[in-house]
C-alpha atoms as a PDB file:
ATOM      1  CA  MET A   1     -10.360  37.651 -24.484  1.00  0.00           C
ATOM      2  CA  THR A   2     -13.746  38.106 -22.959  1.00  0.00           C
ATOM      3  CA  GLY A   3     -15.156  40.771 -20.738  1.00  0.00           C
ATOM      4  CA  ARG A   4     -18.140  42.751 -19.685  1.00  0.00           C
ATOM      5  CA  SER A   5     -18.849  46.332 -18.803  1.00  0.00           C
ATOM      6  CA  THR A   6     -20.681  48.041 -16.013  1.00  0.00           C
ATOM      7  CA  GLY A   7     -21.196  51.681 -16.838  1.00  0.00           C
ATOM      8  CA  ALA A   8     -17.884  52.919 -18.192  1.00  0.00           C
ATOM      9  CA  ALA A   9     -15.711  50.208 -16.602  1.00  0.00           C
ATOM     10  CA  VAL A  10     -14.480  47.318 -18.739  1.00  0.00           C
ATOM     11  CA  ARG A  11     -12.941  44.279 -17.098  1.00  0.00           C
ATOM     12  CA  PRO A  12     -11.407  42.008 -19.763  1.00  0.00           C
ATOM     13  CA  ALA A  13     -10.126  38.532 -18.903  1.00  0.00           C
ATOM     14  CA  TRP A  14      -7.958  36.025 -20.785  1.00  0.00           C
ATOM     15  CA  ASP A  15      -7.854  32.285 -20.090  1.00  0.00           C
ATOM     16  CA  GLY A  16      -4.330  31.852 -21.489  1.00  0.00           C
ATOM     17  CA  THR A  17      -5.348  30.029 -24.675  1.00  0.00           C
ATOM     18  CA  THR A  18      -4.861  30.992 -28.301  1.00  0.00           C
ATOM     19  CA  ASP A  19      -7.625  31.642 -30.841  1.00  0.00           C
ATOM     20  CA  SER A  20      -7.439  27.964 -31.830  1.00  0.00           C
ATOM     21  CA  GLY A  21      -7.870  26.841 -28.196  1.00  0.00           C
ATOM     22  CA  GLY A  22      -4.309  25.671 -27.585  1.00  0.00           C
ATOM     23  CA  GLY A  23      -2.153  26.675 -24.637  1.00  0.00           C
ATOM     24  CA  THR A  24       0.350  29.476 -24.858  1.00  0.00           C
ATOM     25  CA  THR A  25       4.078  29.481 -24.298  1.00  0.00           C
ATOM     26  CA  GLY A  26       6.264  32.166 -22.779  1.00  0.00           C
ATOM     27  CA  GLY A  27       6.953  35.182 -24.924  1.00  0.00           C
ATOM     28  CA  ALA A  28       5.515  38.506 -26.029  1.00  0.00           C
ATOM     29  CA  TYR A  29       1.836  38.755 -26.940  1.00  0.00           C
ATOM     30  CA  THR A  30      -0.038  41.644 -28.494  1.00  0.00           C
ATOM     31  CA  TRP A  31      -3.610  42.462 -27.460  1.00  0.00           C
ATOM     32  CA  ARG A  32      -6.294  44.757 -28.842  1.00  0.00           C
ATOM     33  CA  LEU A  33      -9.554  45.778 -27.224  1.00  0.00           C
ATOM     34  CA  THR A  34     -12.318  47.484 -29.190  1.00  0.00           C
ATOM     35  CA  ALA A  35     -15.271  49.010 -27.337  1.00  0.00           C
ATOM     36  CA  HIS A  36     -18.427  49.987 -29.173  1.00  0.00           C
ATOM     37  CA  PRO A  37     -20.520  52.835 -27.724  1.00  0.00           C
ATOM     38  CA  ARG A  38     -23.438  51.361 -25.812  1.00  0.00           C
ATOM     39  CA  ASP A  39     -25.839  53.952 -27.244  1.00  0.00           C
ATOM     40  CA  GLY A  40     -24.454  53.587 -30.792  1.00  0.00           C
ATOM     41  CA  GLN A  41     -23.342  57.233 -30.876  1.00  0.00           C
ATOM     42  CA  GLY A  42     -19.757  58.143 -31.737  1.00  0.00           C
ATOM     43  CA  PRO A  43     -16.761  56.126 -32.858  1.00  0.00           C
ATOM     44  CA  ASP A  44     -15.455  52.860 -31.409  1.00  0.00           C
ATOM     45  CA  LEU A  45     -12.566  53.088 -28.948  1.00  0.00           C
ATOM     46  CA  THR A  46      -9.627  50.773 -29.705  1.00  0.00           C
ATOM     47  CA  LEU A  47      -6.707  50.236 -27.337  1.00  0.00           C
ATOM     48  CA  SER A  48      -3.749  47.883 -27.810  1.00  0.00           C
ATOM     49  CA  GLY A  49      -0.580  46.847 -26.076  1.00  0.00           C
ATOM     50  CA  THR A  50       1.818  43.980 -25.436  1.00  0.00           C
ATOM     51  CA  MET A  51       2.467  41.702 -22.498  1.00  0.00           C
ATOM     52  CA  THR A  52       5.161  39.137 -21.784  1.00  0.00           C
ATOM     53  CA  LEU A  53       4.511  35.702 -20.318  1.00  0.00           C
ATOM     54  CA  GLY A  54       7.084  33.487 -18.724  1.00  0.00           C
END
């Protein structure tokens, strides 16, 4: 997953490949996004969830 932020908005994107670069098949996938404070103050924010393809 890649993404960028503008202010407080984060817009992640996924190209549908696995960590090893292969294609994915239908099924349930778990994701996790960790955001580090831009100014280095305070804790990281981590969100996670699942999505189903196919």
